[in-house]
Amino acid sequence: MVKVLKISSLELAVDFEEIFDGASVEEATQKAHNQKMPSEFAKASITDNKLISAKIKLIGEENNGSK
């Protein structure tokens, strides 16, 4: 049996949804506005993708005695 490794580089367009809470609308809005990156709790939806490159290389081969 032969094993190969594929390494792919993709460009993704992703929409994130996240809920922010606060004591007031202003506080919750400020939290949302100040966030730089989505948190681990954000819901992500991939809207588009583009394959940039892919490489495939041999990583292992079992020798079963036959040639």
PDB file of N, CA and C in Angstrom:
ATOM      1  N   MET A   1       0.843  -1.172   0.000  1.00  0.00           N
ATOM      2  CA  MET A   1       0.000   0.000   0.000  1.00  0.00           C
ATOM      3  C   MET A   1       0.890   1.237   0.000  1.00  0.00           C
ATOM      4  N   VAL A   2       0.498   2.230  -0.746  1.00  0.00           N
ATOM      5  CA  VAL A   2       1.239   3.484  -0.861  1.00  0.00           C
ATOM      6  C   VAL A   2       0.429   4.594  -0.211  1.00  0.00           C
ATOM      7  N   LYS A   3       1.111   5.521   0.455  1.00  0.00           N
ATOM      8  CA  LYS A   3       0.448   6.668   1.062  1.00  0.00           C
ATOM      9  C   LYS A   3       1.008   7.941   0.458  1.00  0.00           C
ATOM     10  N   VAL A   4       0.104   8.875   0.171  1.00  0.00           N
ATOM     11  CA  VAL A   4       0.515  10.188  -0.319  1.00  0.00           C
ATOM     12  C   VAL A   4      -0.091  11.267   0.574  1.00  0.00           C
ATOM     13  N   LEU A   5       0.557  12.414   0.599  1.00  0.00           N
ATOM     14  CA  LEU A   5       0.093  13.568   1.368  1.00  0.00           C
ATOM     15  C   LEU A   5      -0.266  14.667   0.380  1.00  0.00           C
ATOM     16  N   LYS A   6      -1.452  15.234   0.524  1.00  0.00           N
ATOM     17  CA  LYS A   6      -1.869  16.353  -0.323  1.00  0.00           C
ATOM     18  C   LYS A   6      -1.926  17.610   0.529  1.00  0.00           C
ATOM     19  N   ILE A   7      -1.245  18.648   0.089  1.00  0.00           N
ATOM     20  CA  ILE A   7      -1.257  19.948   0.759  1.00  0.00           C
ATOM     21  C   ILE A   7      -1.925  20.936  -0.181  1.00  0.00           C
ATOM     22  N   SER A   8      -3.032  21.508   0.258  1.00  0.00           N
ATOM     23  CA  SER A   8      -3.796  22.435  -0.583  1.00  0.00           C
ATOM     24  C   SER A   8      -3.771  23.831   0.014  1.00  0.00           C
ATOM     25  N   SER A   9      -3.700  24.820  -0.844  1.00  0.00           N
ATOM     26  CA  SER A   9      -3.791  26.213  -0.441  1.00  0.00           C
ATOM     27  C   SER A   9      -5.067  26.771  -1.060  1.00  0.00           C
ATOM     28  N   LEU A  10      -5.968  27.251  -0.200  1.00  0.00           N
ATOM     29  CA  LEU A  10      -7.255  27.770  -0.655  1.00  0.00           C
ATOM     30  C   LEU A  10      -7.425  29.225  -0.236  1.00  0.00           C
ATOM     31  N   GLU A  11      -8.170  29.945  -1.037  1.00  0.00           N
ATOM     32  CA  GLU A  11      -8.605  31.286  -0.674  1.00  0.00           C
ATOM     33  C   GLU A  11     -10.094  31.163  -0.366  1.00  0.00           C
ATOM     34  N   LEU A  12     -10.506  31.592   0.826  1.00  0.00           N
ATOM     35  CA  LEU A  12     -11.896  31.429   1.247  1.00  0.00           C
ATOM     36  C   LEU A  12     -12.569  32.767   1.496  1.00  0.00           C
ATOM     37  N   ALA A  13     -13.844  32.833   1.203  1.00  0.00           N
ATOM     38  CA  ALA A  13     -14.703  33.940   1.624  1.00  0.00           C
ATOM     39  C   ALA A  13     -15.667  33.337   2.648  1.00  0.00           C
ATOM     40  N   VAL A  14     -15.700  33.917   3.839  1.00  0.00           N
ATOM     41  CA  VAL A  14     -16.475  33.342   4.937  1.00  0.00           C
ATOM     42  C   VAL A  14     -17.335  34.420   5.586  1.00  0.00           C
ATOM     43  N   ASP A  15     -18.600  34.101   5.835  1.00  0.00           N
ATOM     44  CA  ASP A  15     -19.490  34.964   6.613  1.00  0.00           C
ATOM     45  C   ASP A  15     -19.536  34.428   8.040  1.00  0.00           C
ATOM     46  N   PHE A  16     -19.421  35.328   9.018  1.00  0.00           N
ATOM     47  CA  PHE A  16     -19.488  34.949  10.426  1.00  0.00           C
ATOM     48  C   PHE A  16     -20.707  35.580  11.077  1.00  0.00           C
ATOM     49  N   GLU A  17     -21.358  34.812  11.953  1.00  0.00           N
ATOM     50  CA  GLU A  17     -22.476  35.300  12.764  1.00  0.00           C
ATOM     51  C   GLU A  17     -22.120  35.102  14.216  1.00  0.00           C
ATOM     52  N   GLU A  18     -22.325  36.142  15.022  1.00  0.00           N
ATOM     53  CA  GLU A  18     -22.017  36.020  16.444  1.00  0.00           C
ATOM     54  C   GLU A  18     -22.950  36.920  17.234  1.00  0.00           C
ATOM     55  N   ILE A  19     -23.373  36.456  18.388  1.00  0.00           N
ATOM     56  CA  ILE A  19     -24.279  37.212  19.245  1.00  0.00           C
ATOM     57  C   ILE A  19     -23.470  37.903  20.338  1.00  0.00           C
ATOM     58  N   PHE A  20     -23.764  39.176  20.557  1.00  0.00           N
ATOM     59  CA  PHE A  20     -23.142  39.957  21.622  1.00  0.00           C
ATOM     60  C   PHE A  20     -24.228  40.417  22.575  1.00  0.00           C
ATOM     61  N   ASP A  21     -23.918  40.374  23.863  1.00  0.00           N
ATOM     62  CA  ASP A  21     -24.896  40.838  24.840  1.00  0.00           C
ATOM     63  C   ASP A  21     -24.294  41.944  25.686  1.00  0.00           C
ATOM     64  N   GLY A  22     -25.160  42.706  26.312  1.00  0.00           N
ATOM     65  CA  GLY A  22     -24.731  43.798  27.177  1.00  0.00           C
ATOM     66  C   GLY A  22     -25.916  44.295  27.978  1.00  0.00           C
ATOM     67  N   ALA A  23     -25.640  45.186  28.903  1.00  0.00           N
ATOM     68  CA  ALA A  23     -26.696  45.757  29.741  1.00  0.00           C
ATOM     69  C   ALA A  23     -27.612  46.672  28.925  1.00  0.00           C
ATOM     70  N   SER A  24     -27.091  47.186  27.796  1.00  0.00           N
ATOM     71  CA  SER A  24     -27.886  48.059  26.931  1.00  0.00           C
ATOM     72  C   SER A  24     -27.537  47.761  25.475  1.00  0.00           C
ATOM     73  N   VAL A  25     -28.335  48.313  24.581  1.00  0.00           N
ATOM     74  CA  VAL A  25     -28.068  48.160  23.151  1.00  0.00           C
ATOM     75  C   VAL A  25     -26.703  48.763  22.827  1.00  0.00           C
ATOM     76  N   GLU A  26     -26.416  49.907  23.440  1.00  0.00           N
ATOM     77  CA  GLU A  26     -25.143  50.580  23.191  1.00  0.00           C
ATOM     78  C   GLU A  26     -23.958  49.726  23.627  1.00  0.00           C
ATOM     79  N   GLU A  27     -24.060  49.079  24.798  1.00  0.00           N
ATOM     80  CA  GLU A  27     -22.967  48.244  25.292  1.00  0.00           C
ATOM     81  C   GLU A  27     -22.743  47.024  24.396  1.00  0.00           C
ATOM     82  N   ALA A  28     -23.817  46.352  24.005  1.00  0.00           N
ATOM     83  CA  ALA A  28     -23.701  45.184  23.127  1.00  0.00           C
ATOM     84  C   ALA A  28     -23.144  45.591  21.763  1.00  0.00           C
ATOM     85  N   THR A  29     -23.595  46.715  21.240  1.00  0.00           N
ATOM     86  CA  THR A  29     -23.098  47.213  19.957  1.00  0.00           C
ATOM     87  C   THR A  29     -21.625  47.581  20.052  1.00  0.00           C
ATOM     88  N   GLN A  30     -21.216  48.179  21.165  1.00  0.00           N
ATOM     89  CA  GLN A  30     -19.815  48.543  21.355  1.00  0.00           C
ATOM     90  C   GLN A  30     -18.930  47.294  21.401  1.00  0.00           C
ATOM     91  N   LYS A  31     -19.389  46.249  22.084  1.00  0.00           N
ATOM     92  CA  LYS A  31     -18.634  44.987  22.121  1.00  0.00           C
ATOM     93  C   LYS A  31     -18.461  44.424  20.711  1.00  0.00           C
ATOM     94  N   ALA A  32     -19.527  44.423  19.927  1.00  0.00           N
ATOM     95  CA  ALA A  32     -19.465  43.913  18.562  1.00  0.00           C
ATOM     96  C   ALA A  32     -18.528  44.763  17.713  1.00  0.00           C
ATOM     97  N   HIS A  33     -18.610  46.069  17.880  1.00  0.00           N
ATOM     98  CA  HIS A  33     -17.775  46.986  17.098  1.00  0.00           C
ATOM     99  C   HIS A  33     -16.290  46.838  17.436  1.00  0.00           C
ATOM    100  N   ASN A  34     -15.963  46.603  18.689  1.00  0.00           N
ATOM    101  CA  ASN A  34     -14.570  46.521  19.133  1.00  0.00           C
ATOM    102  C   ASN A  34     -13.905  45.181  18.826  1.00  0.00           C
ATOM    103  N   GLN A  35     -14.683  44.170  18.470  1.00  0.00           N
ATOM    104  CA  GLN A  35     -14.102  42.859  18.203  1.00  0.00           C
ATOM    105  C   GLN A  35     -13.365  42.867  16.864  1.00  0.00           C
ATOM    106  N   LYS A  36     -12.087  42.422  16.881  1.00  0.00           N
ATOM    107  CA  LYS A  36     -11.266  42.422  15.663  1.00  0.00           C
ATOM    108  C   LYS A  36     -11.427  41.139  14.855  1.00  0.00           C
ATOM    109  N   MET A  37     -11.511  39.995  15.548  1.00  0.00           N
ATOM    110  CA  MET A  37     -11.631  38.690  14.885  1.00  0.00           C
ATOM    111  C   MET A  37     -12.803  37.933  15.516  1.00  0.00           C
ATOM    112  N   PRO A  38     -13.502  37.115  14.736  1.00  0.00           N
ATOM    113  CA  PRO A  38     -14.580  36.302  15.304  1.00  0.00           C
ATOM    114  C   PRO A  38     -14.032  35.358  16.389  1.00  0.00           C
ATOM    115  N   SER A  39     -14.827  35.104  17.397  1.00  0.00           N
ATOM    116  CA  SER A  39     -14.415  34.187  18.456  1.00  0.00           C
ATOM    117  C   SER A  39     -14.681  32.743  18.039  1.00  0.00           C
ATOM    118  N   GLU A  40     -14.266  31.819  18.878  1.00  0.00           N
ATOM    119  CA  GLU A  40     -14.488  30.398  18.597  1.00  0.00           C
ATOM    120  C   GLU A  40     -15.966  30.028  18.632  1.00  0.00           C
ATOM    121  N   PHE A  41     -16.806  30.914  19.165  1.00  0.00           N
ATOM    122  CA  PHE A  41     -18.236  30.635  19.260  1.00  0.00           C
ATOM    123  C   PHE A  41     -19.016  31.169  18.056  1.00  0.00           C
ATOM    124  N   ALA A  42     -18.356  31.855  17.144  1.00  0.00           N
ATOM    125  CA  ALA A  42     -19.026  32.403  15.969  1.00  0.00           C
ATOM    126  C   ALA A  42     -19.405  31.283  15.001  1.00  0.00           C
ATOM    127  N   LYS A  43     -20.548  31.454  14.356  1.00  0.00           N
ATOM    128  CA  LYS A  43     -20.982  30.514  13.332  1.00  0.00           C
ATOM    129  C   LYS A  43     -20.370  30.964  12.009  1.00  0.00           C
ATOM    130  N   ALA A  44     -19.676  30.049  11.333  1.00  0.00           N
ATOM    131  CA  ALA A  44     -19.000  30.369  10.080  1.00  0.00           C
ATOM    132  C   ALA A  44     -19.676  29.657   8.915  1.00  0.00           C
ATOM    133  N   SER A  45     -19.854  30.388   7.826  1.00  0.00           N
ATOM    134  CA  SER A  45     -20.407  29.815   6.590  1.00  0.00           C
ATOM    135  C   SER A  45     -19.476  30.187   5.440  1.00  0.00           C
ATOM    136  N   ILE A  46     -18.906  29.175   4.780  1.00  0.00           N
ATOM    137  CA  ILE A  46     -18.036  29.435   3.633  1.00  0.00           C
ATOM    138  C   ILE A  46     -18.926  29.780   2.448  1.00  0.00           C
ATOM    139  N   THR A  47     -18.727  30.975   1.900  1.00  0.00           N
ATOM    140  CA  THR A  47     -19.564  31.439   0.792  1.00  0.00           C
ATOM    141  C   THR A  47     -18.896  31.286  -0.565  1.00  0.00           C
ATOM    142  N   ASP A  48     -17.562  31.198  -0.563  1.00  0.00           N
ATOM    143  CA  ASP A  48     -16.842  31.043  -1.831  1.00  0.00           C
ATOM    144  C   ASP A  48     -15.461  30.478  -1.521  1.00  0.00           C
ATOM    145  N   ASN A  49     -14.904  29.734  -2.465  1.00  0.00           N
ATOM    146  CA  ASN A  49     -13.535  29.247  -2.296  1.00  0.00           C
ATOM    147  C   ASN A  49     -12.858  29.154  -3.655  1.00  0.00           C
ATOM    148  N   LYS A  50     -11.543  29.274  -3.601  1.00  0.00           N
ATOM    149  CA  LYS A  50     -10.742  29.241  -4.824  1.00  0.00           C
ATOM    150  C   LYS A  50      -9.470  28.459  -4.523  1.00  0.00           C
ATOM    151  N   LEU A  51      -9.200  27.439  -5.314  1.00  0.00           N
ATOM    152  CA  LEU A  51      -7.984  26.660  -5.141  1.00  0.00           C
ATOM    153  C   LEU A  51      -6.809  27.459  -5.678  1.00  0.00           C
ATOM    154  N   ILE A  52      -5.833  27.701  -4.826  1.00  0.00           N
ATOM    155  CA  ILE A  52      -4.629  28.438  -5.226  1.00  0.00           C
ATOM    156  C   ILE A  52      -3.580  27.461  -5.743  1.00  0.00           C
ATOM    157  N   SER A  53      -3.314  26.407  -4.964  1.00  0.00           N
ATOM    158  CA  SER A  53      -2.344  25.399  -5.396  1.00  0.00           C
ATOM    159  C   SER A  53      -2.556  24.117  -4.604  1.00  0.00           C
ATOM    160  N   ALA A  54      -2.029  23.032  -5.134  1.00  0.00           N
ATOM    161  CA  ALA A  54      -2.071  21.742  -4.448  1.00  0.00           C
ATOM    162  C   ALA A  54      -0.806  20.978  -4.800  1.00  0.00           C
ATOM    163  N   LYS A  55      -0.242  20.333  -3.792  1.00  0.00           N
ATOM    164  CA  LYS A  55       0.957  19.514  -3.991  1.00  0.00           C
ATOM    165  C   LYS A  55       0.688  18.136  -3.414  1.00  0.00           C
ATOM    166  N   ILE A  56       1.105  17.116  -4.124  1.00  0.00           N
ATOM    167  CA  ILE A  56       0.942  15.734  -3.668  1.00  0.00           C
ATOM    168  C   ILE A  56       2.322  15.101  -3.650  1.00  0.00           C
ATOM    169  N   LYS A  57       2.657  14.483  -2.500  1.00  0.00           N
ATOM    170  CA  LYS A  57       3.961  13.823  -2.428  1.00  0.00           C
ATOM    171  C   LYS A  57       3.833  12.479  -1.726  1.00  0.00           C
ATOM    172  N   LEU A  58       4.699  11.573  -2.097  1.00  0.00           N
ATOM    173  CA  LEU A  58       4.750  10.235  -1.530  1.00  0.00           C
ATOM    174  C   LEU A  58       5.304  10.331  -0.115  1.00  0.00           C
ATOM    175  N   ILE A  59       4.599   9.716   0.867  1.00  0.00           N
ATOM    176  CA  ILE A  59       5.086   9.764   2.245  1.00  0.00           C
ATOM    177  C   ILE A  59       5.371   8.379   2.819  1.00  0.00           C
ATOM    178  N   GLY A  60       4.875   7.348   2.212  1.00  0.00           N
ATOM    179  CA  GLY A  60       5.131   6.015   2.756  1.00  0.00           C
ATOM    180  C   GLY A  60       4.724   4.917   1.801  1.00  0.00           C
ATOM    181  N   GLU A  61       5.438   3.819   1.884  1.00  0.00           N
ATOM    182  CA  GLU A  61       5.160   2.677   1.025  1.00  0.00           C
ATOM    183  C   GLU A  61       5.457   1.416   1.801  1.00  0.00           C
ATOM    184  N   GLU A  62       4.495   0.489   1.864  1.00  0.00           N
ATOM    185  CA  GLU A  62       4.708  -0.795   2.514  1.00  0.00           C
ATOM    186  C   GLU A  62       5.337  -1.747   1.513  1.00  0.00           C
ATOM    187  N   ASN A  63       6.322  -2.471   1.951  1.00  0.00           N
ATOM    188  CA  ASN A  63       6.972  -3.452   1.100  1.00  0.00           C
ATOM    189  C   ASN A  63       6.349  -4.812   1.390  1.00  0.00           C
ATOM    190  N   ASN A  64       5.564  -5.326   0.436  1.00  0.00           N
ATOM    191  CA  ASN A  64       4.893  -6.603   0.654  1.00  0.00           C
ATOM    192  C   ASN A  64       5.638  -7.782   0.032  1.00  0.00           C
ATOM    193  N   GLY A  65       6.860  -7.561  -0.410  1.00  0.00           N
ATOM    194  CA  GLY A  65       7.681  -8.660  -0.940  1.00  0.00           C
ATOM    195  C   GLY A  65       7.513  -8.894  -2.424  1.00  0.00           C
ATOM    196  N   SER A  66       6.493  -8.351  -3.059  1.00  0.00           N
ATOM    197  CA  SER A  66       6.330  -8.557  -4.502  1.00  0.00           C
ATOM    198  C   SER A  66       6.972  -7.417  -5.258  1.00  0.00           C
ATOM    199  N   LYS A  67       7.426  -7.729  -6.469  1.00  0.00           N
ATOM    200  CA  LYS A  67       8.073  -6.689  -7.286  1.00  0.00           C
ATOM    201  C   LYS A  67       7.403  -6.562  -8.616  1.00  0.00           C
TER     202      LYS A  67
END
